N, C-alpha and C. Protein backbone atom coordinates (compact mmCIF):
# COMPACT_ATOMS: atom_id res chain seq x y z
N UNK A 1 17.92 -2.24 15.92
CA UNK A 1 17.19 -0.96 15.81
C UNK A 1 16.97 -0.36 17.20
N UNK A 2 16.63 -1.18 18.18
CA UNK A 2 16.28 -0.69 19.51
C UNK A 2 17.46 0.08 20.11
N UNK A 3 18.66 -0.49 20.06
CA UNK A 3 19.85 0.19 20.63
C UNK A 3 20.17 1.47 19.88
N UNK A 4 20.03 1.42 18.55
CA UNK A 4 20.34 2.59 17.74
C UNK A 4 19.46 3.77 18.13
N UNK A 5 18.15 3.53 18.18
CA UNK A 5 17.24 4.65 18.48
C UNK A 5 17.28 5.08 19.93
N UNK A 6 17.79 4.22 20.81
CA UNK A 6 17.82 4.60 22.22
C UNK A 6 19.13 5.31 22.59
N UNK A 7 20.17 5.21 21.78
CA UNK A 7 21.44 5.83 22.11
C UNK A 7 21.87 6.94 21.16
N UNK A 8 21.38 6.93 19.91
CA UNK A 8 21.77 7.98 18.96
C UNK A 8 20.93 9.22 19.20
N UNK A 9 21.55 10.39 19.10
CA UNK A 9 20.85 11.67 19.26
C UNK A 9 21.36 12.66 18.23
N UNK A 10 20.56 13.66 17.92
CA UNK A 10 21.02 14.73 17.03
C UNK A 10 21.77 15.77 17.83
N UNK A 11 22.13 16.86 17.19
CA UNK A 11 22.94 17.91 17.84
C UNK A 11 22.19 18.59 19.00
N UNK A 12 20.87 18.45 19.02
CA UNK A 12 20.07 19.02 20.10
C UNK A 12 19.73 18.01 21.18
N UNK A 13 20.27 16.79 21.07
CA UNK A 13 20.05 15.77 22.05
C UNK A 13 18.75 15.00 21.87
N UNK A 14 18.13 15.10 20.70
CA UNK A 14 16.88 14.41 20.43
C UNK A 14 17.10 13.06 19.79
N UNK A 15 16.31 12.06 20.15
CA UNK A 15 16.42 10.73 19.58
C UNK A 15 15.62 10.67 18.27
N UNK A 16 15.83 9.63 17.45
CA UNK A 16 15.09 9.53 16.19
C UNK A 16 13.59 9.23 16.36
N UNK A 17 13.19 8.63 17.48
CA UNK A 17 11.80 8.16 17.58
C UNK A 17 10.76 9.28 17.51
N UNK A 18 10.86 10.37 18.28
CA UNK A 18 9.86 11.41 18.14
C UNK A 18 9.84 12.03 16.75
N UNK A 19 10.99 12.13 16.12
CA UNK A 19 11.08 12.64 14.73
C UNK A 19 10.31 11.73 13.79
N UNK A 20 10.47 10.42 13.96
CA UNK A 20 9.76 9.47 13.13
C UNK A 20 8.26 9.49 13.35
N UNK A 21 7.85 9.64 14.60
CA UNK A 21 6.44 9.56 14.96
C UNK A 21 5.68 10.85 14.70
N UNK A 22 6.37 11.96 14.56
CA UNK A 22 5.71 13.27 14.44
C UNK A 22 4.69 13.32 13.29
N UNK A 23 4.99 12.81 12.10
CA UNK A 23 4.00 12.89 11.01
C UNK A 23 2.77 12.01 11.22
N UNK A 24 2.80 11.15 12.26
CA UNK A 24 1.74 10.18 12.49
C UNK A 24 0.84 10.58 13.67
N UNK A 25 0.99 11.82 14.10
CA UNK A 25 0.28 12.24 15.32
C UNK A 25 -1.22 12.08 15.21
N UNK A 26 -1.79 12.26 14.03
CA UNK A 26 -3.25 12.17 13.87
C UNK A 26 -3.74 10.81 13.47
N UNK A 27 -2.88 9.84 13.29
CA UNK A 27 -3.30 8.52 12.82
C UNK A 27 -3.85 7.71 13.98
N UNK A 28 -4.98 7.04 13.72
CA UNK A 28 -5.60 6.21 14.75
C UNK A 28 -5.06 4.78 14.73
N UNK A 29 -4.60 4.31 13.56
CA UNK A 29 -4.06 2.95 13.43
C UNK A 29 -2.83 3.02 12.53
N UNK A 30 -1.67 2.64 13.09
CA UNK A 30 -0.39 2.72 12.39
C UNK A 30 0.16 1.32 12.19
N UNK A 31 0.47 0.95 10.95
CA UNK A 31 1.09 -0.33 10.62
C UNK A 31 2.57 -0.13 10.42
N UNK A 32 3.38 -0.81 11.24
CA UNK A 32 4.84 -0.71 11.20
C UNK A 32 5.38 -2.00 10.56
N UNK A 33 5.75 -1.93 9.26
CA UNK A 33 6.22 -3.12 8.56
C UNK A 33 7.67 -3.43 8.97
N UNK A 34 7.96 -4.71 9.12
CA UNK A 34 9.29 -5.16 9.57
C UNK A 34 9.68 -4.43 10.84
N UNK A 35 8.81 -4.47 11.82
CA UNK A 35 8.94 -3.63 13.01
C UNK A 35 10.01 -4.11 13.98
N UNK A 36 10.57 -5.30 13.79
CA UNK A 36 11.52 -5.83 14.76
C UNK A 36 10.87 -6.01 16.13
N UNK A 37 11.51 -5.51 17.15
CA UNK A 37 10.92 -5.62 18.49
C UNK A 37 10.03 -4.39 18.83
N UNK A 38 9.79 -3.58 17.82
CA UNK A 38 8.81 -2.50 17.97
C UNK A 38 9.26 -1.30 18.76
N UNK A 39 10.42 -0.70 18.45
CA UNK A 39 10.83 0.49 19.20
C UNK A 39 9.88 1.67 19.02
N UNK A 40 9.14 1.71 17.92
CA UNK A 40 8.24 2.83 17.69
C UNK A 40 6.94 2.67 18.45
N UNK A 41 6.64 1.50 18.94
CA UNK A 41 5.36 1.25 19.62
C UNK A 41 5.15 2.19 20.81
N UNK A 42 6.21 2.51 21.55
CA UNK A 42 6.10 3.35 22.72
C UNK A 42 5.69 4.76 22.42
N UNK A 43 5.71 5.18 21.15
CA UNK A 43 5.30 6.53 20.79
C UNK A 43 3.78 6.67 20.63
N UNK A 44 3.06 5.55 20.76
CA UNK A 44 1.62 5.56 20.56
C UNK A 44 0.90 4.91 21.73
N UNK A 45 -0.34 5.33 21.98
CA UNK A 45 -1.13 4.70 23.03
C UNK A 45 -1.51 3.30 22.60
N UNK A 46 -1.82 2.45 23.55
CA UNK A 46 -2.15 1.06 23.28
C UNK A 46 -3.28 0.95 22.27
N UNK A 47 -3.05 0.10 21.28
CA UNK A 47 -4.07 -0.15 20.26
C UNK A 47 -3.88 0.64 18.98
N UNK A 48 -3.07 1.66 19.02
CA UNK A 48 -2.88 2.46 17.79
C UNK A 48 -1.77 1.91 16.91
N UNK A 49 -0.86 1.10 17.47
CA UNK A 49 0.29 0.61 16.72
C UNK A 49 0.15 -0.88 16.41
N UNK A 50 0.39 -1.26 15.15
CA UNK A 50 0.42 -2.66 14.74
C UNK A 50 1.81 -2.93 14.18
N UNK A 51 2.54 -3.87 14.79
CA UNK A 51 3.86 -4.24 14.29
C UNK A 51 3.76 -5.52 13.52
N UNK A 52 4.44 -5.59 12.34
CA UNK A 52 4.40 -6.78 11.51
C UNK A 52 5.77 -7.23 11.12
N UNK A 53 6.07 -8.51 11.28
CA UNK A 53 7.31 -9.15 10.83
C UNK A 53 6.98 -10.38 10.03
N UNK A 54 8.00 -10.89 9.32
CA UNK A 54 7.80 -12.16 8.61
C UNK A 54 7.71 -13.33 9.61
N UNK A 55 8.37 -13.21 10.75
CA UNK A 55 8.36 -14.27 11.76
C UNK A 55 7.98 -13.68 13.11
N UNK A 56 7.50 -14.50 14.03
CA UNK A 56 7.09 -13.98 15.34
C UNK A 56 8.28 -13.38 16.10
N UNK A 57 8.00 -12.36 16.89
CA UNK A 57 9.01 -11.70 17.71
C UNK A 57 8.29 -11.00 18.85
N UNK A 58 8.97 -10.72 19.95
CA UNK A 58 8.34 -10.03 21.08
C UNK A 58 7.74 -8.69 20.61
N UNK A 59 6.50 -8.46 20.98
CA UNK A 59 5.84 -7.22 20.64
C UNK A 59 5.21 -7.19 19.27
N UNK A 60 5.46 -8.18 18.43
CA UNK A 60 4.92 -8.20 17.07
C UNK A 60 3.42 -8.57 17.12
N UNK A 61 2.62 -7.79 16.41
CA UNK A 61 1.17 -8.03 16.40
C UNK A 61 0.77 -8.97 15.28
N UNK A 62 1.42 -8.86 14.11
CA UNK A 62 1.05 -9.62 12.92
C UNK A 62 2.29 -10.28 12.33
N UNK A 63 2.10 -11.42 11.71
CA UNK A 63 3.17 -12.07 10.95
C UNK A 63 2.71 -12.20 9.50
N UNK A 64 3.59 -11.93 8.55
CA UNK A 64 3.23 -12.05 7.16
C UNK A 64 4.24 -11.41 6.26
N UNK A 65 3.98 -11.45 5.00
CA UNK A 65 4.87 -10.88 3.98
C UNK A 65 4.39 -9.48 3.63
N UNK A 66 5.31 -8.51 3.40
CA UNK A 66 4.90 -7.18 2.99
C UNK A 66 4.22 -7.18 1.61
N UNK A 67 4.40 -8.25 0.85
CA UNK A 67 3.76 -8.36 -0.45
C UNK A 67 2.39 -9.02 -0.36
N UNK A 68 1.98 -9.43 0.86
CA UNK A 68 0.67 -10.03 1.08
C UNK A 68 0.25 -9.75 2.52
N UNK A 69 -0.15 -8.52 2.79
CA UNK A 69 -0.42 -8.09 4.15
C UNK A 69 -1.71 -8.73 4.66
N UNK A 70 -1.69 -9.25 5.90
CA UNK A 70 -2.87 -9.93 6.45
C UNK A 70 -3.88 -8.92 7.05
N UNK A 71 -4.30 -7.97 6.22
CA UNK A 71 -5.23 -6.92 6.67
C UNK A 71 -6.27 -6.68 5.56
N UNK A 72 -7.42 -6.18 5.97
CA UNK A 72 -8.48 -5.86 5.02
C UNK A 72 -8.17 -4.55 4.30
N UNK A 73 -8.97 -4.24 3.30
CA UNK A 73 -8.85 -2.98 2.58
C UNK A 73 -9.12 -1.80 3.49
N UNK A 74 -8.32 -0.74 3.34
CA UNK A 74 -8.51 0.49 4.11
C UNK A 74 -8.47 0.26 5.63
N UNK A 75 -7.54 -0.59 6.06
CA UNK A 75 -7.51 -0.99 7.46
C UNK A 75 -6.78 -0.02 8.36
N UNK A 76 -5.84 0.76 7.84
CA UNK A 76 -5.00 1.61 8.70
C UNK A 76 -4.93 3.02 8.15
N UNK A 77 -4.56 3.94 9.03
CA UNK A 77 -4.41 5.35 8.65
C UNK A 77 -3.00 5.66 8.20
N UNK A 78 -2.02 4.84 8.62
CA UNK A 78 -0.62 5.15 8.33
C UNK A 78 0.18 3.85 8.25
N UNK A 79 1.26 3.92 7.49
CA UNK A 79 2.18 2.79 7.35
C UNK A 79 3.60 3.32 7.50
N UNK A 80 4.45 2.57 8.22
CA UNK A 80 5.86 2.94 8.40
C UNK A 80 6.76 1.89 7.76
N UNK A 81 7.76 2.37 7.04
CA UNK A 81 8.82 1.51 6.51
C UNK A 81 10.14 2.08 7.08
N UNK A 82 10.58 1.49 8.18
CA UNK A 82 11.74 2.04 8.90
C UNK A 82 12.97 1.22 8.59
N UNK A 83 13.87 1.81 7.81
CA UNK A 83 15.16 1.18 7.45
C UNK A 83 14.98 -0.17 6.78
N UNK A 84 13.93 -0.30 5.98
CA UNK A 84 13.73 -1.56 5.26
C UNK A 84 13.58 -1.38 3.75
N UNK A 85 13.28 -0.18 3.25
CA UNK A 85 13.03 0.01 1.82
C UNK A 85 14.19 -0.50 0.96
N UNK A 86 15.46 -0.21 1.27
CA UNK A 86 16.55 -0.72 0.43
C UNK A 86 16.72 -2.22 0.47
N UNK A 87 16.04 -2.90 1.41
CA UNK A 87 16.18 -4.34 1.55
C UNK A 87 15.02 -5.12 0.93
N UNK A 88 13.99 -4.39 0.44
CA UNK A 88 12.81 -5.06 -0.10
C UNK A 88 12.96 -5.39 -1.59
N UNK A 89 12.52 -6.58 -1.95
CA UNK A 89 12.32 -6.88 -3.35
C UNK A 89 10.82 -6.87 -3.63
N UNK A 90 10.42 -7.18 -4.84
CA UNK A 90 9.01 -7.18 -5.19
C UNK A 90 8.33 -5.87 -4.82
N UNK A 91 8.99 -4.75 -5.13
CA UNK A 91 8.51 -3.46 -4.69
C UNK A 91 7.13 -3.14 -5.22
N UNK A 92 6.83 -3.51 -6.45
CA UNK A 92 5.51 -3.22 -7.03
C UNK A 92 4.43 -3.89 -6.18
N UNK A 93 4.65 -5.13 -5.80
CA UNK A 93 3.65 -5.85 -5.00
C UNK A 93 3.56 -5.25 -3.58
N UNK A 94 4.68 -4.85 -3.02
CA UNK A 94 4.68 -4.26 -1.68
C UNK A 94 3.91 -2.94 -1.67
N UNK A 95 4.18 -2.04 -2.62
CA UNK A 95 3.48 -0.79 -2.67
C UNK A 95 1.99 -0.98 -3.00
N UNK A 96 1.66 -1.96 -3.80
CA UNK A 96 0.26 -2.23 -4.10
C UNK A 96 -0.49 -2.65 -2.83
N UNK A 97 0.17 -3.49 -1.99
CA UNK A 97 -0.42 -3.89 -0.73
C UNK A 97 -0.56 -2.71 0.24
N UNK A 98 0.44 -1.83 0.27
CA UNK A 98 0.35 -0.67 1.14
C UNK A 98 -0.81 0.21 0.72
N UNK A 99 -0.97 0.44 -0.58
CA UNK A 99 -2.09 1.24 -1.06
C UNK A 99 -3.42 0.56 -0.71
N UNK A 100 -3.45 -0.76 -0.77
CA UNK A 100 -4.71 -1.49 -0.48
C UNK A 100 -5.15 -1.31 0.96
N UNK A 101 -4.21 -1.46 1.91
CA UNK A 101 -4.60 -1.41 3.33
C UNK A 101 -4.63 0.02 3.89
N UNK A 102 -4.10 0.97 3.16
CA UNK A 102 -4.04 2.34 3.61
C UNK A 102 -5.32 3.09 3.21
N UNK A 103 -5.93 3.74 4.15
CA UNK A 103 -7.15 4.49 3.85
C UNK A 103 -6.85 5.69 2.95
N UNK A 104 -7.85 6.19 2.22
CA UNK A 104 -7.63 7.35 1.36
C UNK A 104 -7.03 8.52 2.15
N UNK A 105 -6.02 9.14 1.56
CA UNK A 105 -5.25 10.23 2.18
C UNK A 105 -4.48 9.77 3.41
N UNK A 106 -4.26 8.48 3.49
CA UNK A 106 -3.42 7.94 4.59
C UNK A 106 -1.96 8.28 4.38
N UNK A 107 -1.17 8.14 5.44
CA UNK A 107 0.23 8.59 5.46
C UNK A 107 1.19 7.39 5.39
N UNK A 108 2.23 7.54 4.59
CA UNK A 108 3.34 6.59 4.51
C UNK A 108 4.61 7.28 4.95
N UNK A 109 5.24 6.80 6.01
CA UNK A 109 6.51 7.34 6.50
C UNK A 109 7.61 6.33 6.23
N UNK A 110 8.64 6.78 5.54
CA UNK A 110 9.75 5.92 5.18
C UNK A 110 11.06 6.50 5.73
N UNK A 111 11.84 5.68 6.40
CA UNK A 111 13.15 6.07 6.89
C UNK A 111 14.20 5.26 6.19
N UNK A 112 15.18 5.96 5.59
CA UNK A 112 16.27 5.26 4.88
C UNK A 112 17.59 5.88 5.27
N UNK A 113 18.71 5.13 5.16
CA UNK A 113 20.02 5.73 5.36
C UNK A 113 20.25 6.79 4.27
N UNK A 114 20.84 7.90 4.64
CA UNK A 114 21.15 8.94 3.63
C UNK A 114 22.39 8.53 2.83
N UNK A 115 22.28 8.56 1.50
CA UNK A 115 23.37 8.15 0.64
C UNK A 115 24.32 9.29 0.32
N UNK A 116 24.00 10.50 0.77
CA UNK A 116 24.84 11.67 0.48
C UNK A 116 25.67 12.04 1.70
N UNK A 117 26.76 12.73 1.46
CA UNK A 117 27.67 13.19 2.52
C UNK A 117 27.61 14.73 2.54
N UNK A 118 27.38 15.30 3.74
CA UNK A 118 27.18 16.74 3.81
C UNK A 118 28.03 17.45 4.84
N UNK A 119 28.99 16.76 5.41
CA UNK A 119 29.90 17.41 6.34
C UNK A 119 31.22 16.67 6.33
N UNK A 120 32.24 17.34 6.86
CA UNK A 120 33.55 16.69 6.93
C UNK A 120 33.53 15.47 7.82
N UNK A 121 32.75 15.52 8.90
CA UNK A 121 32.63 14.37 9.80
C UNK A 121 32.00 13.19 9.09
N UNK A 122 30.97 13.45 8.28
CA UNK A 122 30.32 12.38 7.54
C UNK A 122 31.27 11.84 6.45
N UNK A 123 32.09 12.70 5.88
CA UNK A 123 33.06 12.23 4.88
C UNK A 123 34.07 11.30 5.50
N UNK A 124 34.57 11.66 6.68
CA UNK A 124 35.54 10.80 7.36
C UNK A 124 34.90 9.46 7.74
N UNK A 125 33.63 9.52 8.19
CA UNK A 125 32.96 8.29 8.54
C UNK A 125 32.75 7.39 7.31
N UNK A 126 32.40 8.01 6.17
CA UNK A 126 32.19 7.25 4.94
C UNK A 126 33.47 6.53 4.53
N UNK A 127 34.61 7.16 4.72
CA UNK A 127 35.88 6.52 4.37
C UNK A 127 36.16 5.34 5.30
N UNK A 128 35.88 5.52 6.59
CA UNK A 128 36.14 4.46 7.56
C UNK A 128 35.21 3.26 7.40
N UNK A 129 33.98 3.53 6.99
CA UNK A 129 32.96 2.46 6.93
C UNK A 129 32.78 1.91 5.53
N UNK A 130 33.61 2.30 4.59
CA UNK A 130 33.47 1.85 3.20
C UNK A 130 33.40 0.34 3.02
N UNK A 131 34.20 -0.45 3.80
CA UNK A 131 34.15 -1.91 3.59
C UNK A 131 32.76 -2.53 3.80
N UNK A 132 31.91 -1.94 4.66
CA UNK A 132 30.60 -2.52 4.87
C UNK A 132 29.51 -1.81 4.06
N UNK A 133 29.79 -0.67 3.49
CA UNK A 133 28.76 0.12 2.79
C UNK A 133 28.89 0.00 1.27
N UNK A 134 29.86 -0.75 0.78
CA UNK A 134 30.07 -0.87 -0.66
C UNK A 134 29.13 -1.92 -1.21
N UNK A 135 28.03 -1.49 -1.85
CA UNK A 135 27.07 -2.43 -2.44
C UNK A 135 26.37 -3.25 -1.39
N UNK A 136 25.80 -4.36 -1.82
CA UNK A 136 25.17 -5.30 -0.88
C UNK A 136 23.71 -5.03 -0.59
N UNK A 137 23.13 -3.99 -1.23
CA UNK A 137 21.71 -3.71 -1.00
C UNK A 137 20.86 -4.46 -2.02
N UNK A 138 19.85 -5.19 -1.61
CA UNK A 138 18.95 -5.82 -2.60
C UNK A 138 18.28 -4.79 -3.51
N UNK A 139 18.04 -3.58 -2.98
CA UNK A 139 17.36 -2.55 -3.75
C UNK A 139 18.02 -1.20 -3.46
N UNK A 140 19.15 -0.95 -4.16
CA UNK A 140 19.90 0.27 -3.86
C UNK A 140 19.12 1.54 -4.21
N UNK A 141 18.12 1.45 -5.08
CA UNK A 141 17.29 2.63 -5.39
C UNK A 141 16.55 3.14 -4.18
N UNK A 142 16.40 2.26 -3.17
CA UNK A 142 15.72 2.68 -1.95
C UNK A 142 16.52 3.63 -1.12
N UNK A 143 17.77 3.92 -1.50
CA UNK A 143 18.59 4.90 -0.82
C UNK A 143 18.45 6.27 -1.46
N UNK A 144 19.20 6.51 -2.55
CA UNK A 144 19.24 7.85 -3.14
C UNK A 144 18.04 8.17 -4.01
N UNK A 145 17.20 7.15 -4.36
CA UNK A 145 16.04 7.41 -5.20
C UNK A 145 14.74 7.04 -4.49
N UNK A 146 14.79 7.13 -3.16
CA UNK A 146 13.59 6.75 -2.39
C UNK A 146 12.38 7.62 -2.74
N UNK A 147 12.58 8.90 -2.91
CA UNK A 147 11.47 9.78 -3.27
C UNK A 147 10.87 9.44 -4.63
N UNK A 148 11.74 9.10 -5.57
CA UNK A 148 11.27 8.70 -6.91
C UNK A 148 10.46 7.41 -6.83
N UNK A 149 10.91 6.46 -6.01
CA UNK A 149 10.18 5.21 -5.87
C UNK A 149 8.78 5.44 -5.31
N UNK A 150 8.65 6.32 -4.33
CA UNK A 150 7.34 6.59 -3.73
C UNK A 150 6.41 7.27 -4.77
N UNK A 151 6.96 8.24 -5.50
CA UNK A 151 6.16 8.93 -6.53
C UNK A 151 5.75 7.96 -7.64
N UNK A 152 6.66 7.07 -8.04
CA UNK A 152 6.33 6.10 -9.09
C UNK A 152 5.26 5.12 -8.63
N UNK A 153 5.16 4.91 -7.31
CA UNK A 153 4.14 4.01 -6.76
C UNK A 153 2.85 4.76 -6.47
N UNK A 154 2.71 5.96 -7.00
CA UNK A 154 1.49 6.76 -6.89
C UNK A 154 1.23 7.31 -5.49
N UNK A 155 2.33 7.64 -4.78
CA UNK A 155 2.21 8.36 -3.54
C UNK A 155 2.69 9.81 -3.75
N UNK A 156 2.02 10.74 -3.11
CA UNK A 156 2.43 12.14 -3.18
C UNK A 156 3.44 12.40 -2.06
N UNK A 157 4.65 12.73 -2.40
CA UNK A 157 5.71 12.99 -1.41
C UNK A 157 5.52 14.39 -0.84
N UNK A 158 5.23 14.46 0.45
CA UNK A 158 4.96 15.73 1.14
C UNK A 158 6.22 16.37 1.69
N UNK A 159 7.17 15.55 2.14
CA UNK A 159 8.42 16.08 2.68
C UNK A 159 9.53 15.05 2.60
N UNK A 160 10.76 15.56 2.57
CA UNK A 160 11.97 14.71 2.50
C UNK A 160 13.02 15.41 3.36
N UNK A 161 13.13 14.98 4.61
CA UNK A 161 14.02 15.65 5.59
C UNK A 161 15.19 14.75 5.94
N UNK A 162 16.27 15.39 6.32
CA UNK A 162 17.51 14.66 6.66
C UNK A 162 18.08 15.18 7.96
N UNK A 163 18.44 14.26 8.86
CA UNK A 163 19.09 14.64 10.11
C UNK A 163 20.22 13.64 10.36
N UNK A 164 21.37 14.15 10.79
CA UNK A 164 22.48 13.28 11.21
C UNK A 164 22.38 13.05 12.71
N UNK A 165 22.16 11.79 13.06
CA UNK A 165 22.15 11.41 14.47
C UNK A 165 23.56 10.87 14.82
N UNK A 166 23.92 10.92 16.10
CA UNK A 166 25.29 10.58 16.47
C UNK A 166 25.28 9.48 17.54
N UNK A 167 26.05 8.43 17.25
CA UNK A 167 26.27 7.37 18.25
C UNK A 167 27.53 7.64 19.03
N UNK A 168 27.49 7.55 20.34
CA UNK A 168 28.70 7.79 21.14
C UNK A 168 29.72 6.69 20.92
N UNK A 169 31.00 7.09 20.82
CA UNK A 169 32.12 6.14 20.69
C UNK A 169 33.16 6.44 21.76
N UNK A 170 32.84 6.18 23.03
CA UNK A 170 33.77 6.54 24.10
C UNK A 170 34.98 5.61 24.20
N UNK A 171 34.86 4.39 23.64
CA UNK A 171 35.95 3.41 23.75
C UNK A 171 35.85 2.38 22.64
N UNK A 172 36.80 1.46 22.60
CA UNK A 172 36.86 0.45 21.56
C UNK A 172 35.63 -0.48 21.62
N UNK A 173 35.18 -0.81 22.83
CA UNK A 173 34.04 -1.71 22.96
C UNK A 173 32.78 -1.08 22.36
N UNK A 174 32.61 0.22 22.53
CA UNK A 174 31.44 0.89 21.96
C UNK A 174 31.52 0.93 20.45
N UNK A 175 32.72 1.01 19.90
CA UNK A 175 32.89 0.98 18.45
C UNK A 175 32.43 -0.36 17.88
N UNK A 176 32.82 -1.42 18.53
CA UNK A 176 32.40 -2.75 18.09
C UNK A 176 30.90 -2.93 18.21
N UNK A 177 30.31 -2.42 19.29
CA UNK A 177 28.87 -2.50 19.49
C UNK A 177 28.13 -1.69 18.41
N UNK A 178 28.68 -0.51 18.07
CA UNK A 178 28.06 0.32 17.05
C UNK A 178 28.00 -0.40 15.70
N UNK A 179 29.05 -1.10 15.34
CA UNK A 179 29.06 -1.82 14.08
C UNK A 179 27.96 -2.89 14.09
N UNK A 180 27.85 -3.65 15.18
CA UNK A 180 26.81 -4.67 15.29
C UNK A 180 25.41 -4.02 15.21
N UNK A 181 25.23 -2.92 15.91
CA UNK A 181 23.91 -2.27 15.93
C UNK A 181 23.51 -1.73 14.57
N UNK A 182 24.45 -1.10 13.86
CA UNK A 182 24.12 -0.49 12.57
C UNK A 182 23.84 -1.57 11.52
N UNK A 183 24.53 -2.67 11.60
CA UNK A 183 24.27 -3.78 10.68
C UNK A 183 22.91 -4.39 10.97
N UNK A 184 22.62 -4.65 12.25
CA UNK A 184 21.35 -5.26 12.63
C UNK A 184 20.16 -4.36 12.35
N UNK A 185 20.35 -3.04 12.49
CA UNK A 185 19.25 -2.11 12.30
C UNK A 185 18.89 -1.87 10.84
N UNK A 186 19.80 -2.21 9.91
CA UNK A 186 19.54 -1.97 8.50
C UNK A 186 20.11 -0.67 8.01
N UNK A 187 20.95 0.02 8.78
CA UNK A 187 21.61 1.22 8.30
C UNK A 187 22.71 0.85 7.29
N UNK A 188 23.29 -0.33 7.48
CA UNK A 188 24.30 -0.84 6.55
C UNK A 188 23.73 -2.05 5.83
N UNK A 189 24.29 -2.39 4.66
CA UNK A 189 23.74 -3.47 3.85
C UNK A 189 23.73 -4.82 4.60
N UNK A 190 22.67 -5.59 4.44
CA UNK A 190 22.60 -6.87 5.14
C UNK A 190 23.64 -7.87 4.65
N UNK A 191 24.17 -7.68 3.42
CA UNK A 191 25.10 -8.65 2.85
C UNK A 191 26.55 -8.40 3.25
N UNK A 192 26.81 -7.39 4.06
CA UNK A 192 28.18 -7.11 4.46
C UNK A 192 28.74 -8.29 5.27
N UNK A 193 29.99 -8.67 5.00
CA UNK A 193 30.57 -9.85 5.60
C UNK A 193 31.04 -9.56 7.03
N UNK A 194 31.22 -10.64 7.79
CA UNK A 194 31.74 -10.52 9.16
C UNK A 194 33.16 -9.95 9.14
N UNK A 195 33.95 -10.32 8.16
CA UNK A 195 35.32 -9.79 8.05
C UNK A 195 35.29 -8.29 7.81
N UNK A 196 34.39 -7.85 6.92
CA UNK A 196 34.29 -6.41 6.63
C UNK A 196 33.86 -5.65 7.89
N UNK A 197 32.92 -6.19 8.63
CA UNK A 197 32.46 -5.53 9.87
C UNK A 197 33.57 -5.49 10.92
N UNK A 198 34.37 -6.55 10.98
CA UNK A 198 35.49 -6.56 11.94
C UNK A 198 36.52 -5.51 11.54
N UNK A 199 36.75 -5.34 10.24
CA UNK A 199 37.68 -4.32 9.76
C UNK A 199 37.21 -2.93 10.16
N UNK A 200 35.91 -2.67 9.95
CA UNK A 200 35.35 -1.35 10.29
C UNK A 200 35.38 -1.12 11.80
N UNK A 201 35.08 -2.15 12.59
CA UNK A 201 35.13 -2.00 14.02
C UNK A 201 36.54 -1.63 14.49
N UNK A 202 37.56 -2.22 13.86
CA UNK A 202 38.95 -1.88 14.20
C UNK A 202 39.27 -0.43 13.85
N UNK A 203 38.79 0.00 12.69
CA UNK A 203 39.01 1.41 12.28
C UNK A 203 38.34 2.39 13.22
N UNK A 204 37.07 2.09 13.59
CA UNK A 204 36.36 2.97 14.49
C UNK A 204 36.96 2.96 15.90
N UNK A 205 37.49 1.84 16.32
CA UNK A 205 38.16 1.77 17.64
C UNK A 205 39.35 2.70 17.68
N UNK A 206 39.99 2.86 16.51
CA UNK A 206 41.16 3.75 16.44
C UNK A 206 40.83 5.21 16.63
N UNK A 207 39.58 5.62 16.39
CA UNK A 207 39.19 7.03 16.59
C UNK A 207 38.33 7.22 17.83
N UNK A 208 38.02 6.11 18.52
CA UNK A 208 37.14 6.19 19.70
C UNK A 208 37.84 6.94 20.84
N UNK A 209 37.00 7.54 21.71
CA UNK A 209 37.53 8.22 22.86
C UNK A 209 36.46 9.09 23.50
N UNK A 210 36.70 9.64 24.65
CA UNK A 210 35.69 10.49 25.33
C UNK A 210 35.20 11.62 24.40
N UNK A 211 33.92 11.73 24.28
CA UNK A 211 33.32 12.81 23.48
C UNK A 211 33.26 12.51 21.99
N UNK A 212 33.83 11.38 21.54
CA UNK A 212 33.80 11.06 20.12
C UNK A 212 32.47 10.39 19.76
N UNK A 213 31.97 10.70 18.55
CA UNK A 213 30.70 10.14 18.09
C UNK A 213 30.82 9.70 16.64
N UNK A 214 29.89 8.89 16.24
CA UNK A 214 29.79 8.41 14.85
C UNK A 214 28.52 8.98 14.23
N UNK A 215 28.62 9.86 13.23
CA UNK A 215 27.42 10.41 12.62
C UNK A 215 26.68 9.40 11.77
N UNK A 216 25.36 9.36 11.93
CA UNK A 216 24.50 8.46 11.18
C UNK A 216 23.42 9.30 10.49
N UNK A 217 23.65 9.71 9.24
CA UNK A 217 22.65 10.55 8.54
C UNK A 217 21.48 9.70 8.07
N UNK A 218 20.27 10.14 8.39
CA UNK A 218 19.05 9.42 8.02
C UNK A 218 18.10 10.36 7.31
N UNK A 219 17.31 9.81 6.36
CA UNK A 219 16.30 10.55 5.63
C UNK A 219 14.92 10.06 6.03
N UNK A 220 14.01 10.99 6.28
CA UNK A 220 12.64 10.67 6.58
C UNK A 220 11.76 11.24 5.48
N UNK A 221 11.09 10.39 4.74
CA UNK A 221 10.19 10.80 3.69
C UNK A 221 8.75 10.57 4.14
N UNK A 222 7.91 11.58 3.96
CA UNK A 222 6.49 11.49 4.33
C UNK A 222 5.68 11.64 3.03
N UNK A 223 4.82 10.64 2.81
CA UNK A 223 4.02 10.66 1.58
C UNK A 223 2.54 10.41 1.93
N UNK A 224 1.69 10.68 0.95
CA UNK A 224 0.25 10.51 1.15
C UNK A 224 -0.31 9.67 0.00
N UNK A 225 -1.24 8.82 0.37
CA UNK A 225 -1.91 7.97 -0.64
C UNK A 225 -2.78 8.79 -1.57
């Protein structure tokens, strides 16, 4: 996730992090579930961000399961689910825990890979990356039905925005790195095989070159408790 958000930019040169953090500007305490090494932490002043993983990691504040959050009732103003919704099982328990720790009218920000194709560049990318994107999601509804899942969990969906960010592909080495980064970040299914990723890396290396990029369409959904 860290490399993805630090190198991918939209057509105006903006990274995903400010876009993700914008709906949380007024939150005093933000819980970032499955935060990894915490790339979002830098968007907040010290003490406002809580990162949680199942296992300890650098920068992680809490360890625990998203279905049993180690926090009291109404503990936070906002919760982030960044590129993890399609990978979660026990969704009813997870959303019940989010509602429990989220204060009334608190904000839930969810980032998921976009399952739709909206440009010729995205169509070409979808064809090249098909070996790693075919199935493999524990919860595929978290892609194209993310808004429905939030509404069914009793959250009011305030916005559903989509931006295509672009990873630079100047050479074959960057293509291979992009495949590793996208798999590790959760943009591609966790169950994709090493052989499939090697196949995609070879395909992307074939189109790599100065000025070439790989479009990564992402959806940001903002909801309220």
